[in-house]
């Protein structure tokens, strides 16, 4: 179950980038892509979540690979939570609702575990 949640979180996090890539490069494959709706509320929400996540992942590296991994993953997981919340606001699909709910639950749990780990290591 945890692996599926991590994979789903990664997929949700990549949605804005994939949408951009299809818009920019979709014509190269010879396949038509659906028209982009950049002003759609869901698109705005995903873009904001993605921008915030990337800004917060831009950490000052300590040289401790474990600490740097955890400090970078916390905002990454938060980005997945933020995107899942956007999905819940806009979806009509019950499977998406289920996945988004699972992402929120699992990523919040992992963030709490990571924050506890950092505190035990004495990392602010």
PDB file of N, CA and C in Angstrom:
ATOM      1  N   UNK A   1       0.827  -1.182   0.000  1.00  0.00           N
ATOM      2  CA  UNK A   1       0.000   0.000   0.000  1.00  0.00           C
ATOM      3  C   UNK A   1       0.878   1.256   0.000  1.00  0.00           C
ATOM      4  N   UNK A   2       1.967   1.263   0.795  1.00  0.00           N
ATOM      5  CA  UNK A   2       2.835   2.425   0.878  1.00  0.00           C
ATOM      6  C   UNK A   2       3.477   2.719  -0.465  1.00  0.00           C
ATOM      7  N   UNK A   3       3.948   1.693  -1.162  1.00  0.00           N
ATOM      8  CA  UNK A   3       4.584   1.882  -2.456  1.00  0.00           C
ATOM      9  C   UNK A   3       3.609   2.507  -3.437  1.00  0.00           C
ATOM     10  N   UNK A   4       2.371   2.020  -3.453  1.00  0.00           N
ATOM     11  CA  UNK A   4       1.381   2.579  -4.365  1.00  0.00           C
ATOM     12  C   UNK A   4       1.137   4.050  -4.046  1.00  0.00           C
ATOM     13  N   UNK A   5       1.099   4.403  -2.766  1.00  0.00           N
ATOM     14  CA  UNK A   5       0.887   5.797  -2.376  1.00  0.00           C
ATOM     15  C   UNK A   5       2.047   6.674  -2.811  1.00  0.00           C
ATOM     16  N   UNK A   6       3.266   6.177  -2.667  1.00  0.00           N
ATOM     17  CA  UNK A   6       4.434   6.944  -3.081  1.00  0.00           C
ATOM     18  C   UNK A   6       4.429   7.135  -4.592  1.00  0.00           C
ATOM     19  N   UNK A   7       4.110   6.086  -5.332  1.00  0.00           N
ATOM     20  CA  UNK A   7       4.041   6.186  -6.790  1.00  0.00           C
ATOM     21  C   UNK A   7       2.953   7.164  -7.200  1.00  0.00           C
ATOM     22  N   UNK A   8       1.798   7.092  -6.557  1.00  0.00           N
ATOM     23  CA  UNK A   8       0.709   8.005  -6.878  1.00  0.00           C
ATOM     24  C   UNK A   8       1.096   9.438  -6.540  1.00  0.00           C
ATOM     25  N   UNK A   9       1.749   9.621  -5.408  1.00  0.00           N
ATOM     26  CA  UNK A   9       2.189  10.963  -5.032  1.00  0.00           C
ATOM     27  C   UNK A   9       3.143  11.526  -6.075  1.00  0.00           C
ATOM     28  N   UNK A  10       4.053  10.704  -6.543  1.00  0.00           N
ATOM     29  CA  UNK A  10       4.988  11.141  -7.578  1.00  0.00           C
ATOM     30  C   UNK A  10       4.250  11.497  -8.859  1.00  0.00           C
ATOM     31  N   UNK A  11       3.256  10.699  -9.204  1.00  0.00           N
ATOM     32  CA  UNK A  11       2.477  10.966 -10.419  1.00  0.00           C
ATOM     33  C   UNK A  11       1.695  12.260 -10.282  1.00  0.00           C
ATOM     34  N   UNK A  12       1.062  12.467  -9.140  1.00  0.00           N
ATOM     35  CA  UNK A  12       0.308  13.702  -8.923  1.00  0.00           C
ATOM     36  C   UNK A  12       1.232  14.913  -8.969  1.00  0.00           C
ATOM     37  N   UNK A  13       2.419  14.774  -8.401  1.00  0.00           N
ATOM     38  CA  UNK A  13       3.377  15.860  -8.392  1.00  0.00           C
ATOM     39  C   UNK A  13       3.824  16.211  -9.803  1.00  0.00           C
ATOM     40  N   UNK A  14       3.884  15.237 -10.679  1.00  0.00           N
ATOM     41  CA  UNK A  14       4.368  15.453 -12.047  1.00  0.00           C
ATOM     42  C   UNK A  14       3.298  15.978 -12.992  1.00  0.00           C
ATOM     43  N   UNK A  15       2.046  15.992 -12.598  1.00  0.00           N
ATOM     44  CA  UNK A  15       0.973  16.383 -13.517  1.00  0.00           C
ATOM     45  C   UNK A  15       1.194  17.724 -14.212  1.00  0.00           C
ATOM     46  N   UNK A  16       1.510  18.809 -13.479  1.00  0.00           N
ATOM     47  CA  UNK A  16       1.689  20.082 -14.187  1.00  0.00           C
ATOM     48  C   UNK A  16       2.831  20.030 -15.195  1.00  0.00           C
ATOM     49  N   UNK A  17       3.920  19.367 -14.846  1.00  0.00           N
ATOM     50  CA  UNK A  17       5.048  19.264 -15.768  1.00  0.00           C
ATOM     51  C   UNK A  17       4.664  18.460 -16.993  1.00  0.00           C
ATOM     52  N   UNK A  18       3.944  17.367 -16.790  1.00  0.00           N
ATOM     53  CA  UNK A  18       3.506  16.555 -17.928  1.00  0.00           C
ATOM     54  C   UNK A  18       2.550  17.331 -18.823  1.00  0.00           C
ATOM     55  N   UNK A  19       1.656  18.085 -18.207  1.00  0.00           N
ATOM     56  CA  UNK A  19       0.714  18.883 -18.992  1.00  0.00           C
ATOM     57  C   UNK A  19       1.471  19.914 -19.824  1.00  0.00           C
ATOM     58  N   UNK A  20       2.471  20.555 -19.217  1.00  0.00           N
ATOM     59  CA  UNK A  20       3.265  21.527 -19.943  1.00  0.00           C
ATOM     60  C   UNK A  20       4.007  20.852 -21.089  1.00  0.00           C
ATOM     61  N   UNK A  21       4.617  19.714 -20.793  1.00  0.00           N
ATOM     62  CA  UNK A  21       5.392  19.014 -21.819  1.00  0.00           C
ATOM     63  C   UNK A  21       4.515  18.610 -22.992  1.00  0.00           C
ATOM     64  N   UNK A  22       3.318  18.154 -22.724  1.00  0.00           N
ATOM     65  CA  UNK A  22       2.434  17.783 -23.824  1.00  0.00           C
ATOM     66  C   UNK A  22       2.040  19.013 -24.624  1.00  0.00           C
ATOM     67  N   UNK A  23       1.796  20.103 -23.936  1.00  0.00           N
ATOM     68  CA  UNK A  23       1.423  21.327 -24.637  1.00  0.00           C
ATOM     69  C   UNK A  23       2.549  21.849 -25.499  1.00  0.00           C
ATOM     70  N   UNK A  24       3.776  21.740 -24.985  1.00  0.00           N
ATOM     71  CA  UNK A  24       4.933  22.252 -25.702  1.00  0.00           C
ATOM     72  C   UNK A  24       5.417  21.294 -26.788  1.00  0.00           C
ATOM     73  N   UNK A  25       5.313  19.987 -26.535  1.00  0.00           N
ATOM     74  CA  UNK A  25       5.924  19.022 -27.419  1.00  0.00           C
ATOM     75  C   UNK A  25       4.941  18.017 -28.002  1.00  0.00           C
ATOM     76  N   UNK A  26       3.691  18.134 -27.648  1.00  0.00           N
ATOM     77  CA  UNK A  26       2.710  17.140 -28.073  1.00  0.00           C
ATOM     78  C   UNK A  26       2.582  17.027 -29.575  1.00  0.00           C
ATOM     79  N   UNK A  27       2.779  18.132 -30.294  1.00  0.00           N
ATOM     80  CA  UNK A  27       2.649  18.108 -31.736  1.00  0.00           C
ATOM     81  C   UNK A  27       3.736  17.334 -32.438  1.00  0.00           C
ATOM     82  N   UNK A  28       4.843  17.085 -31.757  1.00  0.00           N
ATOM     83  CA  UNK A  28       5.963  16.386 -32.378  1.00  0.00           C
ATOM     84  C   UNK A  28       5.667  14.918 -32.640  1.00  0.00           C
ATOM     85  N   UNK A  29       4.736  14.355 -31.885  1.00  0.00           N
ATOM     86  CA  UNK A  29       4.493  12.921 -32.034  1.00  0.00           C
ATOM     87  C   UNK A  29       3.491  12.617 -33.139  1.00  0.00           C
ATOM     88  N   UNK A  30       2.842  13.632 -33.651  1.00  0.00           N
ATOM     89  CA  UNK A  30       1.839  13.386 -34.667  1.00  0.00           C
ATOM     90  C   UNK A  30       0.471  13.112 -34.076  1.00  0.00           C
ATOM     91  N   UNK A  31       0.393  12.996 -32.749  1.00  0.00           N
ATOM     92  CA  UNK A  31      -0.887  12.790 -32.084  1.00  0.00           C
ATOM     93  C   UNK A  31      -1.419  14.130 -31.614  1.00  0.00           C
ATOM     94  N   UNK A  32      -2.709  14.301 -31.709  1.00  0.00           N
ATOM     95  CA  UNK A  32      -3.277  15.546 -31.199  1.00  0.00           C
ATOM     96  C   UNK A  32      -3.458  15.418 -29.696  1.00  0.00           C
ATOM     97  N   UNK A  33      -3.296  16.539 -29.002  1.00  0.00           N
ATOM     98  CA  UNK A  33      -3.486  16.565 -27.558  1.00  0.00           C
ATOM     99  C   UNK A  33      -4.683  17.467 -27.269  1.00  0.00           C
ATOM    100  N   UNK A  34      -5.366  17.216 -26.153  1.00  0.00           N
ATOM    101  CA  UNK A  34      -6.483  18.078 -25.807  1.00  0.00           C
ATOM    102  C   UNK A  34      -6.001  19.505 -25.590  1.00  0.00           C
ATOM    103  N   UNK A  35      -6.864  20.438 -25.883  1.00  0.00           N
ATOM    104  CA  UNK A  35      -6.521  21.843 -25.707  1.00  0.00           C
ATOM    105  C   UNK A  35      -6.256  22.129 -24.234  1.00  0.00           C
ATOM    106  N   UNK A  36      -5.236  22.914 -23.976  1.00  0.00           N
ATOM    107  CA  UNK A  36      -4.914  23.318 -22.605  1.00  0.00           C
ATOM    108  C   UNK A  36      -5.919  24.373 -22.147  1.00  0.00           C
ATOM    109  N   UNK A  37      -6.241  24.331 -20.890  1.00  0.00           N
ATOM    110  CA  UNK A  37      -7.100  25.345 -20.295  1.00  0.00           C
ATOM    111  C   UNK A  37      -6.341  25.948 -19.120  1.00  0.00           C
ATOM    112  N   UNK A  38      -5.379  26.844 -19.423  1.00  0.00           N
ATOM    113  CA  UNK A  38      -4.512  27.346 -18.372  1.00  0.00           C
ATOM    114  C   UNK A  38      -5.247  28.122 -17.281  1.00  0.00           C
ATOM    115  N   UNK A  39      -6.418  28.630 -17.586  1.00  0.00           N
ATOM    116  CA  UNK A  39      -7.124  29.414 -16.576  1.00  0.00           C
ATOM    117  C   UNK A  39      -8.103  28.570 -15.755  1.00  0.00           C
ATOM    118  N   UNK A  40      -8.173  27.268 -16.021  1.00  0.00           N
ATOM    119  CA  UNK A  40      -9.055  26.403 -15.240  1.00  0.00           C
ATOM    120  C   UNK A  40      -8.620  26.457 -13.775  1.00  0.00           C
ATOM    121  N   UNK A  41      -9.553  26.518 -12.839  1.00  0.00           N
ATOM    122  CA  UNK A  41      -9.192  26.568 -11.419  1.00  0.00           C
ATOM    123  C   UNK A  41      -8.290  25.401 -10.992  1.00  0.00           C
ATOM    124  N   UNK A  42      -8.538  24.221 -11.528  1.00  0.00           N
ATOM    125  CA  UNK A  42      -7.689  23.083 -11.155  1.00  0.00           C
ATOM    126  C   UNK A  42      -6.259  23.293 -11.653  1.00  0.00           C
ATOM    127  N   UNK A  43      -6.104  23.799 -12.866  1.00  0.00           N
ATOM    128  CA  UNK A  43      -4.771  24.058 -13.407  1.00  0.00           C
ATOM    129  C   UNK A  43      -4.046  25.084 -12.562  1.00  0.00           C
ATOM    130  N   UNK A  44      -4.748  26.132 -12.181  1.00  0.00           N
ATOM    131  CA  UNK A  44      -4.140  27.157 -11.317  1.00  0.00           C
ATOM    132  C   UNK A  44      -3.714  26.550  -9.989  1.00  0.00           C
ATOM    133  N   UNK A  45      -4.549  25.693  -9.433  1.00  0.00           N
ATOM    134  CA  UNK A  45      -4.225  25.037  -8.173  1.00  0.00           C
ATOM    135  C   UNK A  45      -3.011  24.129  -8.290  1.00  0.00           C
ATOM    136  N   UNK A  46      -2.957  23.328  -9.355  1.00  0.00           N
ATOM    137  CA  UNK A  46      -1.814  22.441  -9.556  1.00  0.00           C
ATOM    138  C   UNK A  46      -0.532  23.245  -9.778  1.00  0.00           C
ATOM    139  N   UNK A  47      -0.620  24.302 -10.559  1.00  0.00           N
ATOM    140  CA  UNK A  47       0.571  25.127 -10.806  1.00  0.00           C
ATOM    141  C   UNK A  47       1.077  25.752  -9.518  1.00  0.00           C
ATOM    142  N   UNK A  48       0.153  26.282  -8.705  1.00  0.00           N
ATOM    143  CA  UNK A  48       0.559  26.898  -7.440  1.00  0.00           C
ATOM    144  C   UNK A  48       1.211  25.868  -6.526  1.00  0.00           C
ATOM    145  N   UNK A  49       0.607  24.687  -6.426  1.00  0.00           N
ATOM    146  CA  UNK A  49       1.167  23.624  -5.582  1.00  0.00           C
ATOM    147  C   UNK A  49       2.560  23.231  -6.078  1.00  0.00           C
ATOM    148  N   UNK A  50       2.717  23.121  -7.390  1.00  0.00           N
ATOM    149  CA  UNK A  50       3.993  22.744  -7.986  1.00  0.00           C
ATOM    150  C   UNK A  50       5.062  23.812  -7.742  1.00  0.00           C
ATOM    151  N   UNK A  51       4.691  25.074  -7.934  1.00  0.00           N
ATOM    152  CA  UNK A  51       5.643  26.173  -7.723  1.00  0.00           C
ATOM    153  C   UNK A  51       6.082  26.225  -6.259  1.00  0.00           C
ATOM    154  N   UNK A  52       5.133  26.106  -5.346  1.00  0.00           N
ATOM    155  CA  UNK A  52       5.450  26.136  -3.915  1.00  0.00           C
ATOM    156  C   UNK A  52       6.363  24.969  -3.552  1.00  0.00           C
ATOM    157  N   UNK A  53       6.025  23.783  -4.042  1.00  0.00           N
ATOM    158  CA  UNK A  53       6.834  22.607  -3.751  1.00  0.00           C
ATOM    159  C   UNK A  53       8.273  22.801  -4.231  1.00  0.00           C
ATOM    160  N   UNK A  54       8.449  23.231  -5.468  1.00  0.00           N
ATOM    161  CA  UNK A  54       9.802  23.390  -5.999  1.00  0.00           C
ATOM    162  C   UNK A  54      10.569  24.480  -5.256  1.00  0.00           C
ATOM    163  N   UNK A  55       9.905  25.561  -4.904  1.00  0.00           N
ATOM    164  CA  UNK A  55      10.561  26.629  -4.147  1.00  0.00           C
ATOM    165  C   UNK A  55      11.030  26.087  -2.785  1.00  0.00           C
ATOM    166  N   UNK A  56      10.167  25.322  -2.111  1.00  0.00           N
ATOM    167  CA  UNK A  56      10.504  24.805  -0.785  1.00  0.00           C
ATOM    168  C   UNK A  56      11.498  23.649  -0.828  1.00  0.00           C
ATOM    169  N   UNK A  57      11.607  22.974  -1.962  1.00  0.00           N
ATOM    170  CA  UNK A  57      12.600  21.908  -2.099  1.00  0.00           C
ATOM    171  C   UNK A  57      14.000  22.463  -2.359  1.00  0.00           C
ATOM    172  N   UNK A  58      14.092  23.746  -2.649  1.00  0.00           N
ATOM    173  CA  UNK A  58      15.389  24.372  -2.924  1.00  0.00           C
ATOM    174  C   UNK A  58      16.072  24.666  -1.590  1.00  0.00           C
ATOM    175  N   UNK A  59      16.549  23.598  -0.948  1.00  0.00           N
ATOM    176  CA  UNK A  59      17.144  23.694   0.385  1.00  0.00           C
ATOM    177  C   UNK A  59      18.629  24.015   0.281  1.00  0.00           C
ATOM    178  N   UNK A  60      19.190  24.484   1.388  1.00  0.00           N
ATOM    179  CA  UNK A  60      20.631  24.613   1.498  1.00  0.00           C
ATOM    180  C   UNK A  60      21.145  23.243   1.923  1.00  0.00           C
ATOM    181  N   UNK A  61      21.972  22.633   1.105  1.00  0.00           N
ATOM    182  CA  UNK A  61      22.447  21.293   1.381  1.00  0.00           C
ATOM    183  C   UNK A  61      23.502  21.316   2.480  1.00  0.00           C
ATOM    184  N   UNK A  62      23.413  20.322   3.351  1.00  0.00           N
ATOM    185  CA  UNK A  62      24.288  20.243   4.520  1.00  0.00           C
ATOM    186  C   UNK A  62      25.510  19.368   4.287  1.00  0.00           C
ATOM    187  N   UNK A  63      25.472  18.527   3.274  1.00  0.00           N
ATOM    188  CA  UNK A  63      26.527  17.558   3.062  1.00  0.00           C
ATOM    189  C   UNK A  63      26.222  16.216   3.718  1.00  0.00           C
ATOM    190  N   UNK A  64      25.183  16.175   4.535  1.00  0.00           N
ATOM    191  CA  UNK A  64      24.730  14.918   5.149  1.00  0.00           C
ATOM    192  C   UNK A  64      23.617  14.390   4.250  1.00  0.00           C
ATOM    193  N   UNK A  65      23.893  13.329   3.522  1.00  0.00           N
ATOM    194  CA  UNK A  65      22.936  12.850   2.518  1.00  0.00           C
ATOM    195  C   UNK A  65      21.601  12.459   3.141  1.00  0.00           C
ATOM    196  N   UNK A  66      21.620  11.923   4.346  1.00  0.00           N
ATOM    197  CA  UNK A  66      20.369  11.523   4.995  1.00  0.00           C
ATOM    198  C   UNK A  66      19.524  12.745   5.346  1.00  0.00           C
ATOM    199  N   UNK A  67      20.148  13.722   5.969  1.00  0.00           N
ATOM    200  CA  UNK A  67      19.437  14.945   6.350  1.00  0.00           C
ATOM    201  C   UNK A  67      18.929  15.666   5.113  1.00  0.00           C
ATOM    202  N   UNK A  68      19.763  15.775   4.097  1.00  0.00           N
ATOM    203  CA  UNK A  68      19.361  16.479   2.879  1.00  0.00           C
ATOM    204  C   UNK A  68      18.190  15.772   2.194  1.00  0.00           C
ATOM    205  N   UNK A  69      18.217  14.445   2.192  1.00  0.00           N
ATOM    206  CA  UNK A  69      17.109  13.692   1.615  1.00  0.00           C
ATOM    207  C   UNK A  69      15.808  14.003   2.352  1.00  0.00           C
ATOM    208  N   UNK A  70      15.840  13.918   3.660  1.00  0.00           N
ATOM    209  CA  UNK A  70      14.628  14.133   4.448  1.00  0.00           C
ATOM    210  C   UNK A  70      14.148  15.575   4.321  1.00  0.00           C
ATOM    211  N   UNK A  71      15.064  16.528   4.388  1.00  0.00           N
ATOM    212  CA  UNK A  71      14.670  17.940   4.271  1.00  0.00           C
ATOM    213  C   UNK A  71      14.090  18.256   2.894  1.00  0.00           C
ATOM    214  N   UNK A  72      14.544  17.580   1.871  1.00  0.00           N
ATOM    215  CA  UNK A  72      13.976  17.780   0.534  1.00  0.00           C
ATOM    216  C   UNK A  72      12.663  17.039   0.338  1.00  0.00           C
ATOM    217  N   UNK A  73      12.534  15.888   0.971  1.00  0.00           N
ATOM    218  CA  UNK A  73      11.319  15.087   0.798  1.00  0.00           C
ATOM    219  C   UNK A  73      10.109  15.676   1.521  1.00  0.00           C
ATOM    220  N   UNK A  74      10.321  16.382   2.612  1.00  0.00           N
ATOM    221  CA  UNK A  74       9.179  16.963   3.327  1.00  0.00           C
ATOM    222  C   UNK A  74       8.395  17.905   2.414  1.00  0.00           C
ATOM    223  N   UNK A  75       9.030  18.879   1.768  1.00  0.00           N
ATOM    224  CA  UNK A  75       8.241  19.724   0.860  1.00  0.00           C
ATOM    225  C   UNK A  75       7.725  18.966  -0.365  1.00  0.00           C
ATOM    226  N   UNK A  76       8.450  17.935  -0.784  1.00  0.00           N
ATOM    227  CA  UNK A  76       7.975  17.116  -1.898  1.00  0.00           C
ATOM    228  C   UNK A  76       6.672  16.428  -1.507  1.00  0.00           C
ATOM    229  N   UNK A  77       6.646  15.848  -0.321  1.00  0.00           N
ATOM    230  CA  UNK A  77       5.421  15.204   0.162  1.00  0.00           C
ATOM    231  C   UNK A  77       4.308  16.225   0.364  1.00  0.00           C
ATOM    232  N   UNK A  78       4.661  17.411   0.866  1.00  0.00           N
ATOM    233  CA  UNK A  78       3.652  18.454   1.052  1.00  0.00           C
ATOM    234  C   UNK A  78       3.072  18.866  -0.298  1.00  0.00           C
ATOM    235  N   UNK A  79       3.913  18.896  -1.325  1.00  0.00           N
ATOM    236  CA  UNK A  79       3.417  19.200  -2.670  1.00  0.00           C
ATOM    237  C   UNK A  79       2.410  18.168  -3.136  1.00  0.00           C
ATOM    238  N   UNK A  80       2.665  16.903  -2.847  1.00  0.00           N
ATOM    239  CA  UNK A  80       1.707  15.849  -3.203  1.00  0.00           C
ATOM    240  C   UNK A  80       0.395  16.041  -2.449  1.00  0.00           C
ATOM    241  N   UNK A  81       0.482  16.413  -1.185  1.00  0.00           N
ATOM    242  CA  UNK A  81      -0.725  16.677  -0.392  1.00  0.00           C
ATOM    243  C   UNK A  81      -1.495  17.833  -1.005  1.00  0.00           C
ATOM    244  N   UNK A  82      -0.797  18.915  -1.317  1.00  0.00           N
ATOM    245  CA  UNK A  82      -1.458  20.098  -1.884  1.00  0.00           C
ATOM    246  C   UNK A  82      -2.127  19.767  -3.216  1.00  0.00           C
ATOM    247  N   UNK A  83      -1.471  18.958  -4.039  1.00  0.00           N
ATOM    248  CA  UNK A  83      -2.062  18.576  -5.315  1.00  0.00           C
ATOM    249  C   UNK A  83      -3.257  17.649  -5.116  1.00  0.00           C
ATOM    250  N   UNK A  84      -3.159  16.752  -4.147  1.00  0.00           N
ATOM    251  CA  UNK A  84      -4.285  15.860  -3.856  1.00  0.00           C
ATOM    252  C   UNK A  84      -5.491  16.666  -3.388  1.00  0.00           C
ATOM    253  N   UNK A  85      -5.249  17.720  -2.644  1.00  0.00           N
ATOM    254  CA  UNK A  85      -6.355  18.585  -2.189  1.00  0.00           C
ATOM    255  C   UNK A  85      -7.012  19.290  -3.375  1.00  0.00           C
ATOM    256  N   UNK A  86      -6.203  19.707  -4.340  1.00  0.00           N
ATOM    257  CA  UNK A  86      -6.765  20.299  -5.565  1.00  0.00           C
ATOM    258  C   UNK A  86      -7.622  19.260  -6.279  1.00  0.00           C
ATOM    259  N   UNK A  87      -7.095  18.050  -6.388  1.00  0.00           N
ATOM    260  CA  UNK A  87      -7.850  16.975  -7.049  1.00  0.00           C
ATOM    261  C   UNK A  87      -9.188  16.762  -6.346  1.00  0.00           C
ATOM    262  N   UNK A  88      -9.179  16.718  -5.025  1.00  0.00           N
ATOM    263  CA  UNK A  88     -10.432  16.506  -4.282  1.00  0.00           C
ATOM    264  C   UNK A  88     -11.434  17.632  -4.517  1.00  0.00           C
ATOM    265  N   UNK A  89     -10.935  18.842  -4.692  1.00  0.00           N
ATOM    266  CA  UNK A  89     -11.826  19.976  -4.939  1.00  0.00           C
ATOM    267  C   UNK A  89     -12.503  19.898  -6.302  1.00  0.00           C
ATOM    268  N   UNK A  90     -11.853  19.245  -7.258  1.00  0.00           N
ATOM    269  CA  UNK A  90     -12.334  19.331  -8.638  1.00  0.00           C
ATOM    270  C   UNK A  90     -12.792  18.011  -9.265  1.00  0.00           C
ATOM    271  N   UNK A  91     -12.481  16.896  -8.657  1.00  0.00           N
ATOM    272  CA  UNK A  91     -12.795  15.618  -9.293  1.00  0.00           C
ATOM    273  C   UNK A  91     -14.256  15.217  -9.108  1.00  0.00           C
ATOM    274  N   UNK A  92     -14.727  14.486 -10.075  1.00  0.00           N
ATOM    275  CA  UNK A  92     -16.034  13.832  -9.975  1.00  0.00           C
ATOM    276  C   UNK A  92     -15.838  12.311  -9.997  1.00  0.00           C
ATOM    277  N   UNK A  93     -14.584  11.889 -10.108  1.00  0.00           N
ATOM    278  CA  UNK A  93     -14.234  10.479 -10.231  1.00  0.00           C
ATOM    279  C   UNK A  93     -13.938   9.895  -8.848  1.00  0.00           C
ATOM    280  N   UNK A  94     -14.640   8.846  -8.486  1.00  0.00           N
ATOM    281  CA  UNK A  94     -14.471   8.249  -7.156  1.00  0.00           C
ATOM    282  C   UNK A  94     -13.094   7.631  -6.967  1.00  0.00           C
ATOM    283  N   UNK A  95     -12.497   7.090  -8.017  1.00  0.00           N
ATOM    284  CA  UNK A  95     -11.155   6.515  -7.883  1.00  0.00           C
ATOM    285  C   UNK A  95     -10.134   7.602  -7.590  1.00  0.00           C
ATOM    286  N   UNK A  96     -10.253   8.735  -8.276  1.00  0.00           N
ATOM    287  CA  UNK A  96      -9.349   9.860  -8.013  1.00  0.00           C
ATOM    288  C   UNK A  96      -9.532  10.326  -6.576  1.00  0.00           C
ATOM    289  N   UNK A  97     -10.766  10.421  -6.129  1.00  0.00           N
ATOM    290  CA  UNK A  97     -11.064  10.831  -4.747  1.00  0.00           C
ATOM    291  C   UNK A  97     -10.392   9.870  -3.759  1.00  0.00           C
ATOM    292  N   UNK A  98     -10.482   8.569  -4.026  1.00  0.00           N
ATOM    293  CA  UNK A  98      -9.874   7.566  -3.152  1.00  0.00           C
ATOM    294  C   UNK A  98      -8.356   7.725  -3.135  1.00  0.00           C
ATOM    295  N   UNK A  99      -7.741   7.817  -4.319  1.00  0.00           N
ATOM    296  CA  UNK A  99      -6.288   7.971  -4.384  1.00  0.00           C
ATOM    297  C   UNK A  99      -5.832   9.251  -3.689  1.00  0.00           C
ATOM    298  N   UNK A 100      -6.503  10.347  -3.966  1.00  0.00           N
ATOM    299  CA  UNK A 100      -6.111  11.627  -3.367  1.00  0.00           C
ATOM    300  C   UNK A 100      -6.207  11.559  -1.843  1.00  0.00           C
ATOM    301  N   UNK A 101      -7.248  10.936  -1.343  1.00  0.00           N
ATOM    302  CA  UNK A 101      -7.412  10.786   0.104  1.00  0.00           C
ATOM    303  C   UNK A 101      -6.285   9.942   0.683  1.00  0.00           C
ATOM    304  N   UNK A 102      -5.925   8.865  -0.002  1.00  0.00           N
ATOM    305  CA  UNK A 102      -4.813   8.009   0.443  1.00  0.00           C
ATOM    306  C   UNK A 102      -3.487   8.769   0.417  1.00  0.00           C
ATOM    307  N   UNK A 103      -3.281   9.567  -0.626  1.00  0.00           N
ATOM    308  CA  UNK A 103      -2.043  10.347  -0.723  1.00  0.00           C
ATOM    309  C   UNK A 103      -1.947  11.289   0.469  1.00  0.00           C
ATOM    310  N   UNK A 104      -3.030  11.989   0.770  1.00  0.00           N
ATOM    311  CA  UNK A 104      -3.006  12.928   1.894  1.00  0.00           C
ATOM    312  C   UNK A 104      -2.670  12.195   3.189  1.00  0.00           C
ATOM    313  N   UNK A 105      -3.355  11.115   3.454  1.00  0.00           N
ATOM    314  CA  UNK A 105      -3.137  10.368   4.699  1.00  0.00           C
ATOM    315  C   UNK A 105      -1.693   9.870   4.800  1.00  0.00           C
ATOM    316  N   UNK A 106      -1.204   9.217   3.750  1.00  0.00           N
ATOM    317  CA  UNK A 106       0.130   8.625   3.796  1.00  0.00           C
ATOM    318  C   UNK A 106       1.243   9.671   3.810  1.00  0.00           C
ATOM    319  N   UNK A 107       1.090  10.715   3.027  1.00  0.00           N
ATOM    320  CA  UNK A 107       2.137  11.732   2.982  1.00  0.00           C
ATOM    321  C   UNK A 107       2.189  12.518   4.287  1.00  0.00           C
ATOM    322  N   UNK A 108       1.037  12.784   4.901  1.00  0.00           N
ATOM    323  CA  UNK A 108       1.030  13.453   6.208  1.00  0.00           C
ATOM    324  C   UNK A 108       1.726  12.580   7.247  1.00  0.00           C
ATOM    325  N   UNK A 109       1.473  11.281   7.203  1.00  0.00           N
ATOM    326  CA  UNK A 109       2.117  10.360   8.134  1.00  0.00           C
ATOM    327  C   UNK A 109       3.631  10.371   7.930  1.00  0.00           C
ATOM    328  N   UNK A 110       4.057  10.305   6.686  1.00  0.00           N
ATOM    329  CA  UNK A 110       5.492  10.276   6.413  1.00  0.00           C
ATOM    330  C   UNK A 110       6.159  11.597   6.784  1.00  0.00           C
ATOM    331  N   UNK A 111       5.494  12.719   6.550  1.00  0.00           N
ATOM    332  CA  UNK A 111       6.047  14.018   6.951  1.00  0.00           C
ATOM    333  C   UNK A 111       6.253  14.038   8.459  1.00  0.00           C
ATOM    334  N   UNK A 112       5.271  13.583   9.210  1.00  0.00           N
ATOM    335  CA  UNK A 112       5.398  13.551  10.673  1.00  0.00           C
ATOM    336  C   UNK A 112       6.576  12.680  11.097  1.00  0.00           C
ATOM    337  N   UNK A 113       6.732  11.520  10.464  1.00  0.00           N
ATOM    338  CA  UNK A 113       7.857  10.637  10.777  1.00  0.00           C
ATOM    339  C   UNK A 113       9.188  11.320  10.458  1.00  0.00           C
ATOM    340  N   UNK A 114       9.256  11.997   9.332  1.00  0.00           N
ATOM    341  CA  UNK A 114      10.498  12.662   8.926  1.00  0.00           C
ATOM    342  C   UNK A 114      10.829  13.825   9.855  1.00  0.00           C
ATOM    343  N   UNK A 115       9.816  14.591  10.253  1.00  0.00           N
ATOM    344  CA  UNK A 115      10.056  15.694  11.183  1.00  0.00           C
ATOM    345  C   UNK A 115      10.559  15.167  12.524  1.00  0.00           C
ATOM    346  N   UNK A 116       9.994  14.069  12.989  1.00  0.00           N
ATOM    347  CA  UNK A 116      10.450  13.446  14.233  1.00  0.00           C
ATOM    348  C   UNK A 116      11.895  12.988  14.093  1.00  0.00           C
ATOM    349  N   UNK A 117      12.230  12.379  12.954  1.00  0.00           N
ATOM    350  CA  UNK A 117      13.594  11.922  12.705  1.00  0.00           C
ATOM    351  C   UNK A 117      14.572  13.097  12.749  1.00  0.00           C
ATOM    352  N   UNK A 118      14.195  14.214  12.076  1.00  0.00           N
ATOM    353  CA  UNK A 118      15.073  15.394  12.085  1.00  0.00           C
ATOM    354  C   UNK A 118      15.275  15.908  13.497  1.00  0.00           C
ATOM    355  N   UNK A 119      14.212  15.964  14.291  1.00  0.00           N
ATOM    356  CA  UNK A 119      14.335  16.441  15.678  1.00  0.00           C
ATOM    357  C   UNK A 119      15.271  15.552  16.472  1.00  0.00           C
ATOM    358  N   UNK A 120      15.157  14.234  16.292  1.00  0.00           N
ATOM    359  CA  UNK A 120      16.046  13.306  16.996  1.00  0.00           C
ATOM    360  C   UNK A 120      17.502  13.524  16.597  1.00  0.00           C
ATOM    361  N   UNK A 121      17.738  13.938  15.365  1.00  0.00           N
ATOM    362  CA  UNK A 121      19.093  14.213  14.875  1.00  0.00           C
ATOM    363  C   UNK A 121      19.572  15.601  15.283  1.00  0.00           C
ATOM    364  N   UNK A 122      18.666  16.398  15.864  1.00  0.00           N
ATOM    365  CA  UNK A 122      19.013  17.760  16.269  1.00  0.00           C
ATOM    366  C   UNK A 122      19.053  18.735  15.118  1.00  0.00           C
ATOM    367  N   UNK A 123      18.323  18.412  14.044  1.00  0.00           N
ATOM    368  CA  UNK A 123      18.318  19.275  12.851  1.00  0.00           C
ATOM    369  C   UNK A 123      17.091  20.175  12.913  1.00  0.00           C
ATOM    370  N   UNK A 124      17.296  21.481  12.808  1.00  0.00           N
ATOM    371  CA  UNK A 124      16.127  22.413  12.856  1.00  0.00           C
ATOM    372  C   UNK A 124      15.244  22.298  11.634  1.00  0.00           C
TER     373      UNK A 124
END
